[in-house]
Amino acid sequence: MTTPVTTIVAISRQMGAGGAYVGQGIARRLNVRYVDREILEEAAKVLGRDDREVESLEERVTSVWARMAGALSWGAPEAPYVPPPVPTVMEEDVFAVEAEIIRQIAGREDAVIVGRGAAWVLREHPRLLSVFLHAPEEERTERVRQAYGLEAGPARDLVRRSDQQRGRFLQSLHGGEWIEPSHYHLCLDTSAIGIEETIEVLASLVERRRRA
């Protein structure tokens, strides 16, 4: 039996650039699965840990990401990952579990996946569209301020801290700057064209590629 080739949109984004809104909008437009935080929740179940504990391990970026790199390229879906019987959950366990969850989803169905290094994990997928969404810091800070009810200073600090964490994580995966355009098929400034137009552009592109 021939394994169906799925269509995957993997969105990397700066905080406040509207990645979740865009991802959800594309998924609704294309009637496909939207995947974001559920990867974290599923990983927590597999590891037998609380979501918050797994999320904190996600944020601890160390050299372990680079050591895992060779084993996490695109491949055929396999049985659910079961971590080795060790006394504590380490960063490599979280990364391996999340990567396997991403690969299994991509092997089963069309989907829009936001974050979690999906663009890198699925870099060999034959019908991947990897996207980087960005916007000026001032505009992202204002979006975060409104979304979380923060003052301007704390909102800016949150944006900058997020940029640093995501930058270190993705740089450890592919060895270059995460904002380097050549790492993605498409880069869009959501402040320049707006969230709705970004959704329209990406959804239309995927629809054309599906028909090809």
N, C-alpha and C. Protein backbone atom coordinates (compact mmCIF):
# COMPACT_ATOMS: atom_id res chain seq x y z
N MET A 1 0.85 -1.20 0.00
CA MET A 1 0.00 0.00 0.00
C MET A 1 0.88 1.25 0.00
N THR A 2 0.54 2.21 -0.84
CA THR A 2 1.31 3.45 -0.93
C THR A 2 0.95 4.39 0.22
N THR A 3 1.97 4.88 0.90
CA THR A 3 1.75 5.82 2.00
C THR A 3 1.37 7.18 1.43
N PRO A 4 0.25 7.77 1.85
CA PRO A 4 -0.15 9.07 1.31
C PRO A 4 0.86 10.15 1.66
N VAL A 5 1.08 11.08 0.73
CA VAL A 5 1.98 12.19 0.96
C VAL A 5 1.16 13.36 1.49
N THR A 6 1.44 13.76 2.70
CA THR A 6 0.67 14.83 3.33
C THR A 6 1.25 16.19 2.99
N THR A 7 0.45 17.21 3.21
CA THR A 7 0.88 18.60 3.05
C THR A 7 1.01 19.21 4.43
N ILE A 8 2.18 19.75 4.73
CA ILE A 8 2.46 20.30 6.06
C ILE A 8 2.91 21.76 5.94
N VAL A 9 2.28 22.62 6.73
CA VAL A 9 2.75 24.00 6.87
C VAL A 9 3.39 24.10 8.25
N ALA A 10 4.68 24.36 8.30
CA ALA A 10 5.40 24.50 9.57
C ALA A 10 5.74 25.97 9.77
N ILE A 11 5.20 26.55 10.83
CA ILE A 11 5.36 27.98 11.07
C ILE A 11 6.32 28.22 12.23
N SER A 12 7.40 28.91 11.93
CA SER A 12 8.27 29.46 12.97
C SER A 12 7.92 30.93 13.09
N ARG A 13 8.00 31.48 14.29
CA ARG A 13 7.54 32.86 14.45
C ARG A 13 8.21 33.54 15.62
N GLN A 14 8.33 34.85 15.50
CA GLN A 14 8.72 35.67 16.63
C GLN A 14 7.49 35.89 17.51
N MET A 15 7.72 36.01 18.80
CA MET A 15 6.60 36.27 19.70
C MET A 15 5.94 37.59 19.34
N GLY A 16 4.62 37.57 19.25
CA GLY A 16 3.89 38.76 18.90
C GLY A 16 3.73 38.99 17.42
N ALA A 17 4.25 38.08 16.60
CA ALA A 17 4.12 38.22 15.15
C ALA A 17 2.83 37.60 14.63
N GLY A 18 2.06 36.97 15.52
CA GLY A 18 0.76 36.44 15.13
C GLY A 18 0.79 35.01 14.63
N GLY A 19 1.78 34.24 15.03
CA GLY A 19 1.91 32.87 14.53
C GLY A 19 0.70 32.00 14.80
N ALA A 20 0.16 32.06 16.02
CA ALA A 20 -0.99 31.22 16.36
C ALA A 20 -2.22 31.64 15.56
N TYR A 21 -2.45 32.95 15.44
CA TYR A 21 -3.60 33.43 14.67
C TYR A 21 -3.51 33.00 13.22
N VAL A 22 -2.31 33.16 12.65
CA VAL A 22 -2.11 32.79 11.26
C VAL A 22 -2.29 31.28 11.07
N GLY A 23 -1.67 30.51 11.96
CA GLY A 23 -1.78 29.05 11.86
C GLY A 23 -3.22 28.57 11.95
N GLN A 24 -3.97 29.12 12.90
CA GLN A 24 -5.37 28.73 13.06
C GLN A 24 -6.19 29.15 11.84
N GLY A 25 -5.89 30.33 11.30
CA GLY A 25 -6.62 30.81 10.13
C GLY A 25 -6.38 29.94 8.91
N ILE A 26 -5.13 29.53 8.70
CA ILE A 26 -4.81 28.66 7.58
C ILE A 26 -5.50 27.31 7.74
N ALA A 27 -5.44 26.77 8.95
CA ALA A 27 -6.05 25.46 9.20
C ALA A 27 -7.55 25.50 8.94
N ARG A 28 -8.22 26.58 9.36
CA ARG A 28 -9.66 26.71 9.09
C ARG A 28 -9.93 26.82 7.60
N ARG A 29 -9.13 27.62 6.93
CA ARG A 29 -9.32 27.83 5.49
C ARG A 29 -9.14 26.53 4.71
N LEU A 30 -8.15 25.73 5.10
CA LEU A 30 -7.84 24.50 4.37
C LEU A 30 -8.55 23.28 4.93
N ASN A 31 -9.22 23.48 6.08
CA ASN A 31 -9.91 22.36 6.76
C ASN A 31 -8.92 21.25 7.09
N VAL A 32 -7.81 21.62 7.73
CA VAL A 32 -6.80 20.65 8.14
C VAL A 32 -6.54 20.82 9.63
N ARG A 33 -5.79 19.92 10.19
CA ARG A 33 -5.50 19.94 11.63
C ARG A 33 -4.55 21.07 11.99
N TYR A 34 -4.83 21.75 13.09
CA TYR A 34 -3.95 22.77 13.64
C TYR A 34 -3.25 22.18 14.85
N VAL A 35 -1.93 22.29 14.90
CA VAL A 35 -1.15 21.67 15.97
C VAL A 35 -0.22 22.71 16.59
N ASP A 36 -0.31 22.86 17.89
CA ASP A 36 0.55 23.81 18.59
C ASP A 36 0.87 23.23 19.96
N ARG A 37 0.16 23.69 20.97
CA ARG A 37 0.46 23.28 22.34
C ARG A 37 0.13 21.81 22.60
N GLU A 38 -0.71 21.21 21.77
CA GLU A 38 -1.05 19.81 22.01
C GLU A 38 0.18 18.89 21.88
N ILE A 39 1.22 19.34 21.17
CA ILE A 39 2.46 18.56 21.11
C ILE A 39 3.06 18.49 22.50
N LEU A 40 3.09 19.63 23.20
CA LEU A 40 3.57 19.66 24.58
C LEU A 40 2.72 18.78 25.47
N GLU A 41 1.40 18.87 25.33
CA GLU A 41 0.50 18.09 26.18
C GLU A 41 0.65 16.60 25.94
N GLU A 42 0.80 16.20 24.68
CA GLU A 42 0.98 14.78 24.37
C GLU A 42 2.33 14.28 24.87
N ALA A 43 3.37 15.11 24.74
CA ALA A 43 4.68 14.72 25.25
C ALA A 43 4.64 14.53 26.76
N ALA A 44 3.92 15.39 27.46
CA ALA A 44 3.80 15.26 28.91
C ALA A 44 3.14 13.94 29.28
N LYS A 45 2.12 13.53 28.52
CA LYS A 45 1.45 12.25 28.78
C LYS A 45 2.41 11.08 28.58
N VAL A 46 3.15 11.10 27.48
CA VAL A 46 4.10 10.02 27.20
C VAL A 46 5.16 9.92 28.29
N LEU A 47 5.62 11.08 28.76
CA LEU A 47 6.68 11.11 29.76
C LEU A 47 6.16 10.96 31.19
N GLY A 48 4.84 11.00 31.35
CA GLY A 48 4.27 10.88 32.68
C GLY A 48 4.59 12.06 33.55
N ARG A 49 4.60 13.25 32.96
CA ARG A 49 4.93 14.46 33.70
C ARG A 49 3.85 15.52 33.51
N ASP A 50 3.87 16.52 34.36
CA ASP A 50 2.96 17.64 34.27
C ASP A 50 3.36 18.53 33.08
N ASP A 51 2.36 19.16 32.43
CA ASP A 51 2.63 20.04 31.29
C ASP A 51 3.66 21.11 31.64
N ARG A 52 3.53 21.69 32.83
CA ARG A 52 4.42 22.79 33.21
C ARG A 52 5.86 22.33 33.36
N GLU A 53 6.05 21.11 33.85
CA GLU A 53 7.40 20.58 33.99
C GLU A 53 8.04 20.37 32.62
N VAL A 54 7.26 19.80 31.70
CA VAL A 54 7.78 19.57 30.35
C VAL A 54 8.06 20.89 29.65
N GLU A 55 7.20 21.87 29.87
CA GLU A 55 7.40 23.17 29.24
C GLU A 55 8.68 23.82 29.75
N SER A 56 8.98 23.66 31.03
CA SER A 56 10.20 24.24 31.57
C SER A 56 11.43 23.55 30.98
N LEU A 57 11.33 22.25 30.72
CA LEU A 57 12.44 21.54 30.10
C LEU A 57 12.63 21.97 28.64
N GLU A 58 11.53 22.30 27.97
CA GLU A 58 11.62 22.81 26.60
C GLU A 58 12.50 24.05 26.55
N GLU A 59 12.40 24.87 27.57
CA GLU A 59 13.07 26.16 27.57
C GLU A 59 14.54 26.07 27.98
N ARG A 60 14.98 24.92 28.48
CA ARG A 60 16.36 24.77 28.91
C ARG A 60 17.20 24.33 27.71
N VAL A 61 17.67 25.30 26.97
CA VAL A 61 18.40 25.02 25.74
C VAL A 61 19.87 24.77 26.07
N THR A 62 20.36 23.55 25.79
CA THR A 62 21.74 23.17 26.05
C THR A 62 22.29 22.47 24.83
N SER A 63 23.51 21.97 24.93
CA SER A 63 24.14 21.28 23.80
C SER A 63 23.45 19.97 23.46
N VAL A 64 22.53 19.53 24.28
CA VAL A 64 21.86 18.27 24.02
C VAL A 64 21.09 18.31 22.71
N TRP A 65 20.57 19.49 22.31
CA TRP A 65 19.81 19.57 21.05
C TRP A 65 20.70 19.17 19.88
N ALA A 66 21.91 19.63 19.88
CA ALA A 66 22.82 19.30 18.79
C ALA A 66 23.13 17.81 18.79
N ARG A 67 23.25 17.19 19.97
CA ARG A 67 23.57 15.76 20.02
C ARG A 67 22.43 14.91 19.48
N MET A 68 21.21 15.44 19.55
CA MET A 68 20.07 14.68 19.07
C MET A 68 19.86 14.84 17.57
N ALA A 69 20.55 15.78 16.94
CA ALA A 69 20.21 16.19 15.58
C ALA A 69 20.20 15.05 14.58
N GLY A 70 21.19 14.20 14.61
CA GLY A 70 21.31 13.17 13.59
C GLY A 70 20.17 12.17 13.56
N ALA A 71 19.48 11.97 14.66
CA ALA A 71 18.45 10.94 14.74
C ALA A 71 17.06 11.45 14.45
N LEU A 72 16.91 12.75 14.16
CA LEU A 72 15.57 13.31 14.10
C LEU A 72 15.19 13.86 12.74
N SER A 73 15.86 13.44 11.68
CA SER A 73 15.45 13.88 10.35
C SER A 73 14.19 13.15 9.95
N TRP A 74 13.57 13.61 8.87
CA TRP A 74 12.29 13.04 8.44
C TRP A 74 12.43 11.56 8.11
N GLY A 75 11.48 10.79 8.53
CA GLY A 75 11.46 9.36 8.22
C GLY A 75 10.04 8.87 8.27
N ALA A 76 9.84 7.60 7.97
CA ALA A 76 8.50 7.03 8.00
C ALA A 76 7.98 7.00 9.42
N PRO A 77 6.67 7.13 9.62
CA PRO A 77 6.10 7.07 10.97
C PRO A 77 6.43 5.75 11.64
N GLU A 78 6.72 5.83 12.91
CA GLU A 78 7.08 4.64 13.66
C GLU A 78 6.15 4.52 14.87
N ALA A 79 6.38 3.50 15.68
CA ALA A 79 5.58 3.33 16.89
C ALA A 79 5.84 4.51 17.82
N PRO A 80 4.89 4.83 18.69
CA PRO A 80 5.08 5.95 19.62
C PRO A 80 6.38 5.81 20.41
N TYR A 81 7.07 6.92 20.54
CA TYR A 81 8.34 6.92 21.26
C TYR A 81 8.12 6.61 22.74
N VAL A 82 8.92 5.73 23.26
CA VAL A 82 8.88 5.42 24.70
C VAL A 82 10.26 5.72 25.26
N PRO A 83 10.39 6.69 26.14
CA PRO A 83 11.69 7.08 26.66
C PRO A 83 12.33 5.95 27.47
N PRO A 84 13.64 5.91 27.53
CA PRO A 84 14.32 4.87 28.29
C PRO A 84 13.99 4.99 29.77
N PRO A 85 14.08 3.89 30.51
CA PRO A 85 13.73 3.91 31.93
C PRO A 85 14.82 4.55 32.78
N VAL A 86 14.79 5.87 32.83
CA VAL A 86 15.76 6.60 33.64
C VAL A 86 15.01 7.29 34.78
N PRO A 87 15.67 7.63 35.85
CA PRO A 87 14.98 8.17 37.01
C PRO A 87 14.40 9.57 36.83
N THR A 88 14.97 10.38 35.93
CA THR A 88 14.47 11.72 35.71
C THR A 88 14.29 11.97 34.22
N VAL A 89 13.40 12.90 33.90
CA VAL A 89 13.18 13.29 32.51
C VAL A 89 14.17 14.38 32.15
N MET A 90 14.92 14.16 31.08
CA MET A 90 15.92 15.12 30.66
C MET A 90 15.46 15.84 29.40
N GLU A 91 16.22 16.88 29.00
CA GLU A 91 15.86 17.65 27.82
C GLU A 91 15.80 16.78 26.57
N GLU A 92 16.74 15.82 26.45
CA GLU A 92 16.74 15.01 25.24
C GLU A 92 15.50 14.14 25.13
N ASP A 93 14.94 13.73 26.27
CA ASP A 93 13.70 12.95 26.25
C ASP A 93 12.56 13.80 25.68
N VAL A 94 12.46 15.03 26.16
CA VAL A 94 11.41 15.92 25.70
C VAL A 94 11.54 16.17 24.22
N PHE A 95 12.75 16.47 23.77
CA PHE A 95 12.97 16.78 22.36
C PHE A 95 12.66 15.57 21.48
N ALA A 96 13.10 14.40 21.89
CA ALA A 96 12.86 13.19 21.10
C ALA A 96 11.37 12.87 21.02
N VAL A 97 10.68 13.00 22.14
CA VAL A 97 9.24 12.72 22.16
C VAL A 97 8.50 13.70 21.26
N GLU A 98 8.78 14.99 21.42
CA GLU A 98 8.07 15.98 20.62
C GLU A 98 8.37 15.81 19.13
N ALA A 99 9.61 15.52 18.79
CA ALA A 99 9.96 15.32 17.38
C ALA A 99 9.22 14.12 16.81
N GLU A 100 9.12 13.05 17.57
CA GLU A 100 8.42 11.87 17.09
C GLU A 100 6.92 12.13 16.93
N ILE A 101 6.33 12.89 17.84
CA ILE A 101 4.92 13.27 17.72
C ILE A 101 4.71 14.08 16.45
N ILE A 102 5.60 15.02 16.18
CA ILE A 102 5.51 15.84 14.97
C ILE A 102 5.61 14.95 13.73
N ARG A 103 6.53 14.03 13.71
CA ARG A 103 6.72 13.15 12.55
C ARG A 103 5.51 12.25 12.33
N GLN A 104 4.93 11.77 13.41
CA GLN A 104 3.75 10.92 13.27
C GLN A 104 2.56 11.70 12.71
N ILE A 105 2.35 12.90 13.20
CA ILE A 105 1.26 13.73 12.69
C ILE A 105 1.47 13.98 11.20
N ALA A 106 2.69 14.36 10.83
CA ALA A 106 2.99 14.66 9.43
C ALA A 106 2.87 13.43 8.53
N GLY A 107 3.03 12.26 9.11
CA GLY A 107 2.90 11.04 8.34
C GLY A 107 1.48 10.60 8.12
N ARG A 108 0.54 11.14 8.92
CA ARG A 108 -0.85 10.69 8.87
C ARG A 108 -1.77 11.63 8.13
N GLU A 109 -1.55 12.95 8.28
CA GLU A 109 -2.57 13.88 7.81
C GLU A 109 -1.98 15.24 7.48
N ASP A 110 -2.70 15.99 6.66
CA ASP A 110 -2.34 17.37 6.39
C ASP A 110 -2.48 18.17 7.69
N ALA A 111 -1.56 19.11 7.90
CA ALA A 111 -1.60 19.85 9.16
C ALA A 111 -0.84 21.16 9.07
N VAL A 112 -1.20 22.07 9.95
CA VAL A 112 -0.44 23.29 10.19
C VAL A 112 0.18 23.14 11.57
N ILE A 113 1.50 23.19 11.65
CA ILE A 113 2.21 22.98 12.91
C ILE A 113 2.96 24.26 13.26
N VAL A 114 2.70 24.78 14.44
CA VAL A 114 3.35 26.02 14.88
C VAL A 114 4.41 25.70 15.92
N GLY A 115 5.65 26.15 15.66
CA GLY A 115 6.73 26.03 16.62
C GLY A 115 7.27 24.63 16.79
N ARG A 116 7.93 24.40 17.94
CA ARG A 116 8.52 23.12 18.33
C ARG A 116 9.57 22.63 17.33
N GLY A 117 10.17 23.53 16.56
CA GLY A 117 11.19 23.12 15.60
C GLY A 117 10.68 22.26 14.48
N ALA A 118 9.38 22.32 14.19
CA ALA A 118 8.79 21.43 13.18
C ALA A 118 9.40 21.63 11.80
N ALA A 119 9.73 22.87 11.46
CA ALA A 119 10.33 23.12 10.14
C ALA A 119 11.65 22.38 9.99
N TRP A 120 12.38 22.24 11.08
CA TRP A 120 13.66 21.52 11.03
C TRP A 120 13.44 20.01 11.10
N VAL A 121 12.59 19.56 12.00
CA VAL A 121 12.33 18.13 12.16
C VAL A 121 11.81 17.53 10.85
N LEU A 122 10.99 18.29 10.13
CA LEU A 122 10.37 17.79 8.90
C LEU A 122 11.05 18.33 7.65
N ARG A 123 12.29 18.74 7.76
CA ARG A 123 12.94 19.42 6.65
C ARG A 123 13.04 18.58 5.38
N GLU A 124 12.98 17.24 5.49
CA GLU A 124 13.04 16.38 4.31
C GLU A 124 11.66 15.94 3.83
N HIS A 125 10.62 16.42 4.47
CA HIS A 125 9.26 16.06 4.06
C HIS A 125 9.03 16.58 2.63
N PRO A 126 8.52 15.74 1.74
CA PRO A 126 8.39 16.14 0.33
C PRO A 126 7.40 17.26 0.05
N ARG A 127 6.44 17.48 0.95
CA ARG A 127 5.46 18.53 0.72
C ARG A 127 5.35 19.44 1.94
N LEU A 128 6.50 19.88 2.37
CA LEU A 128 6.58 20.83 3.50
C LEU A 128 6.64 22.25 2.95
N LEU A 129 5.89 23.14 3.59
CA LEU A 129 6.04 24.57 3.38
C LEU A 129 6.46 25.17 4.72
N SER A 130 7.71 25.60 4.80
CA SER A 130 8.20 26.18 6.06
C SER A 130 8.14 27.71 5.95
N VAL A 131 7.60 28.32 7.00
CA VAL A 131 7.32 29.75 6.99
C VAL A 131 7.89 30.39 8.25
N PHE A 132 8.47 31.58 8.09
CA PHE A 132 8.93 32.36 9.24
C PHE A 132 8.15 33.66 9.27
N LEU A 133 7.44 33.91 10.37
CA LEU A 133 6.67 35.13 10.55
C LEU A 133 7.40 36.06 11.51
N HIS A 134 7.54 37.31 11.10
CA HIS A 134 8.26 38.27 11.93
C HIS A 134 7.57 39.62 11.84
N ALA A 135 8.00 40.53 12.69
CA ALA A 135 7.47 41.90 12.71
C ALA A 135 8.41 42.74 13.57
N PRO A 136 8.40 44.06 13.41
CA PRO A 136 9.24 44.92 14.24
C PRO A 136 8.93 44.74 15.72
N GLU A 137 9.95 44.90 16.55
CA GLU A 137 9.78 44.70 17.99
C GLU A 137 8.68 45.59 18.57
N GLU A 138 8.61 46.82 18.13
CA GLU A 138 7.61 47.74 18.69
C GLU A 138 6.19 47.22 18.48
N GLU A 139 5.91 46.74 17.28
CA GLU A 139 4.56 46.24 17.01
C GLU A 139 4.30 44.94 17.77
N ARG A 140 5.30 44.07 17.86
CA ARG A 140 5.12 42.82 18.59
C ARG A 140 4.91 43.08 20.08
N THR A 141 5.63 44.06 20.60
CA THR A 141 5.46 44.42 22.00
C THR A 141 4.05 44.89 22.28
N GLU A 142 3.48 45.67 21.37
CA GLU A 142 2.13 46.17 21.56
C GLU A 142 1.12 45.03 21.51
N ARG A 143 1.31 44.07 20.61
CA ARG A 143 0.40 42.92 20.55
C ARG A 143 0.45 42.11 21.84
N VAL A 144 1.67 41.90 22.34
CA VAL A 144 1.82 41.13 23.57
C VAL A 144 1.24 41.91 24.75
N ARG A 145 1.45 43.22 24.77
CA ARG A 145 0.91 44.05 25.86
C ARG A 145 -0.60 43.91 25.92
N GLN A 146 -1.25 43.98 24.77
CA GLN A 146 -2.71 43.88 24.74
C GLN A 146 -3.18 42.47 25.07
N ALA A 147 -2.48 41.48 24.56
CA ALA A 147 -2.91 40.10 24.77
C ALA A 147 -2.81 39.67 26.23
N TYR A 148 -1.77 40.13 26.92
CA TYR A 148 -1.52 39.69 28.29
C TYR A 148 -1.84 40.74 29.34
N GLY A 149 -2.29 41.91 28.92
CA GLY A 149 -2.62 42.96 29.87
C GLY A 149 -1.42 43.50 30.62
N LEU A 150 -0.29 43.64 29.92
CA LEU A 150 0.96 44.08 30.55
C LEU A 150 1.24 45.55 30.26
N GLU A 151 2.11 46.12 31.08
CA GLU A 151 2.66 47.43 30.77
C GLU A 151 3.70 47.26 29.65
N ALA A 152 4.06 48.36 29.03
CA ALA A 152 4.95 48.31 27.87
C ALA A 152 6.31 47.68 28.21
N GLY A 153 6.87 48.06 29.38
CA GLY A 153 8.19 47.54 29.74
C GLY A 153 8.23 46.04 29.90
N PRO A 154 7.36 45.46 30.74
CA PRO A 154 7.34 44.01 30.88
C PRO A 154 7.01 43.29 29.58
N ALA A 155 6.14 43.88 28.76
CA ALA A 155 5.81 43.25 27.48
C ALA A 155 7.04 43.20 26.57
N ARG A 156 7.80 44.27 26.55
CA ARG A 156 9.02 44.31 25.73
C ARG A 156 10.04 43.30 26.25
N ASP A 157 10.17 43.21 27.56
CA ASP A 157 11.10 42.23 28.13
C ASP A 157 10.70 40.81 27.75
N LEU A 158 9.41 40.53 27.77
CA LEU A 158 8.92 39.20 27.42
C LEU A 158 9.23 38.88 25.96
N VAL A 159 9.02 39.83 25.08
CA VAL A 159 9.31 39.64 23.66
C VAL A 159 10.79 39.37 23.45
N ARG A 160 11.64 40.15 24.09
CA ARG A 160 13.09 39.99 23.90
C ARG A 160 13.57 38.66 24.48
N ARG A 161 13.03 38.27 25.62
CA ARG A 161 13.43 37.00 26.22
C ARG A 161 13.00 35.83 25.32
N SER A 162 11.80 35.94 24.77
CA SER A 162 11.32 34.89 23.86
C SER A 162 12.20 34.80 22.62
N ASP A 163 12.58 35.95 22.06
CA ASP A 163 13.46 35.95 20.88
C ASP A 163 14.77 35.25 21.19
N GLN A 164 15.32 35.52 22.35
CA GLN A 164 16.60 34.91 22.73
C GLN A 164 16.47 33.39 22.87
N GLN A 165 15.41 32.95 23.55
CA GLN A 165 15.23 31.52 23.77
C GLN A 165 14.98 30.77 22.47
N ARG A 166 14.08 31.29 21.64
CA ARG A 166 13.79 30.64 20.38
C ARG A 166 14.99 30.67 19.46
N GLY A 167 15.72 31.78 19.49
CA GLY A 167 16.91 31.89 18.66
C GLY A 167 17.97 30.86 19.04
N ARG A 168 18.22 30.69 20.32
CA ARG A 168 19.21 29.71 20.76
C ARG A 168 18.79 28.29 20.41
N PHE A 169 17.50 28.00 20.61
CA PHE A 169 17.00 26.66 20.32
C PHE A 169 17.15 26.32 18.84
N LEU A 170 16.66 27.19 17.96
CA LEU A 170 16.69 26.89 16.54
C LEU A 170 18.10 26.95 15.98
N GLN A 171 18.94 27.83 16.53
CA GLN A 171 20.33 27.88 16.08
C GLN A 171 21.04 26.58 16.40
N SER A 172 20.71 25.97 17.54
CA SER A 172 21.35 24.71 17.91
C SER A 172 20.92 23.57 16.99
N LEU A 173 19.74 23.70 16.34
CA LEU A 173 19.26 22.65 15.45
C LEU A 173 19.92 22.71 14.08
N HIS A 174 19.97 23.90 13.49
CA HIS A 174 20.49 23.97 12.13
C HIS A 174 21.79 24.76 12.00
N GLY A 175 22.33 25.24 13.11
CA GLY A 175 23.66 25.83 13.08
C GLY A 175 23.73 27.23 12.53
N GLY A 176 22.61 27.89 12.32
CA GLY A 176 22.63 29.25 11.80
C GLY A 176 21.64 30.12 12.53
N GLU A 177 21.61 31.38 12.17
CA GLU A 177 20.68 32.32 12.79
C GLU A 177 19.25 31.94 12.43
N TRP A 178 18.36 31.95 13.41
CA TRP A 178 16.98 31.52 13.17
C TRP A 178 16.23 32.48 12.26
N ILE A 179 16.69 33.74 12.18
CA ILE A 179 16.02 34.71 11.33
C ILE A 179 16.60 34.74 9.92
N GLU A 180 17.51 33.83 9.61
CA GLU A 180 18.10 33.77 8.28
C GLU A 180 17.05 33.28 7.28
N PRO A 181 16.71 34.08 6.27
CA PRO A 181 15.65 33.70 5.33
C PRO A 181 15.87 32.39 4.60
N SER A 182 17.12 32.03 4.36
CA SER A 182 17.39 30.83 3.58
C SER A 182 17.00 29.55 4.32
N HIS A 183 16.69 29.64 5.61
CA HIS A 183 16.26 28.46 6.37
C HIS A 183 14.79 28.13 6.13
N TYR A 184 14.07 29.01 5.45
CA TYR A 184 12.63 28.84 5.27
C TYR A 184 12.26 28.99 3.80
N HIS A 185 11.13 28.42 3.43
CA HIS A 185 10.63 28.61 2.08
C HIS A 185 10.08 30.02 1.88
N LEU A 186 9.54 30.59 2.95
CA LEU A 186 8.89 31.89 2.84
C LEU A 186 8.99 32.64 4.16
N CYS A 187 9.31 33.93 4.09
CA CYS A 187 9.36 34.80 5.28
C CYS A 187 8.41 35.97 5.04
N LEU A 188 7.58 36.27 6.04
CA LEU A 188 6.60 37.33 5.90
C LEU A 188 6.60 38.24 7.12
N ASP A 189 6.55 39.54 6.86
CA ASP A 189 6.43 40.53 7.92
C ASP A 189 4.94 40.80 8.12
N THR A 190 4.39 40.31 9.22
CA THR A 190 2.95 40.43 9.43
C THR A 190 2.52 41.87 9.72
N SER A 191 3.45 42.73 10.08
CA SER A 191 3.09 44.13 10.29
C SER A 191 2.92 44.85 8.96
N ALA A 192 3.58 44.36 7.93
CA ALA A 192 3.54 45.00 6.62
C ALA A 192 2.29 44.62 5.83
N ILE A 193 1.88 43.36 5.95
CA ILE A 193 0.74 42.92 5.14
C ILE A 193 -0.48 42.55 5.97
N GLY A 194 -0.34 42.48 7.29
CA GLY A 194 -1.48 42.20 8.15
C GLY A 194 -1.72 40.71 8.32
N ILE A 195 -2.38 40.36 9.41
CA ILE A 195 -2.64 38.96 9.75
C ILE A 195 -3.55 38.29 8.71
N GLU A 196 -4.64 38.95 8.38
CA GLU A 196 -5.59 38.34 7.45
C GLU A 196 -4.98 38.12 6.07
N GLU A 197 -4.21 39.09 5.60
CA GLU A 197 -3.58 38.93 4.29
C GLU A 197 -2.50 37.85 4.34
N THR A 198 -1.82 37.73 5.47
CA THR A 198 -0.85 36.65 5.62
C THR A 198 -1.53 35.29 5.51
N ILE A 199 -2.67 35.15 6.17
CA ILE A 199 -3.44 33.91 6.08
C ILE A 199 -3.83 33.64 4.63
N GLU A 200 -4.31 34.67 3.95
CA GLU A 200 -4.76 34.52 2.56
C GLU A 200 -3.61 34.09 1.66
N VAL A 201 -2.46 34.74 1.81
CA VAL A 201 -1.30 34.42 0.97
C VAL A 201 -0.87 32.97 1.17
N LEU A 202 -0.74 32.55 2.41
CA LEU A 202 -0.25 31.21 2.69
C LEU A 202 -1.27 30.14 2.32
N ALA A 203 -2.53 30.37 2.65
CA ALA A 203 -3.55 29.39 2.31
C ALA A 203 -3.68 29.23 0.80
N SER A 204 -3.62 30.33 0.07
CA SER A 204 -3.71 30.26 -1.39
C SER A 204 -2.52 29.51 -1.97
N LEU A 205 -1.35 29.74 -1.41
CA LEU A 205 -0.16 29.03 -1.88
C LEU A 205 -0.29 27.53 -1.66
N VAL A 206 -0.75 27.14 -0.48
CA VAL A 206 -0.91 25.71 -0.18
C VAL A 206 -1.95 25.09 -1.10
N GLU A 207 -3.03 25.80 -1.34
CA GLU A 207 -4.08 25.28 -2.22
C GLU A 207 -3.54 25.03 -3.63
N ARG A 208 -2.71 25.94 -4.13
CA ARG A 208 -2.13 25.74 -5.45
C ARG A 208 -1.17 24.56 -5.46
N ARG A 209 -0.40 24.42 -4.40
CA ARG A 209 0.54 23.30 -4.34
C ARG A 209 -0.20 21.96 -4.21
N ARG A 210 -1.32 21.97 -3.54
CA ARG A 210 -2.11 20.74 -3.43
C ARG A 210 -2.63 20.28 -4.78
N ARG A 211 -2.98 21.26 -5.64
CA ARG A 211 -3.53 20.92 -6.95
C ARG A 211 -2.47 20.51 -7.96
N ALA A 212 -1.21 20.86 -7.64
CA ALA A 212 -0.12 20.60 -8.59
C ALA A 212 0.15 19.10 -8.74
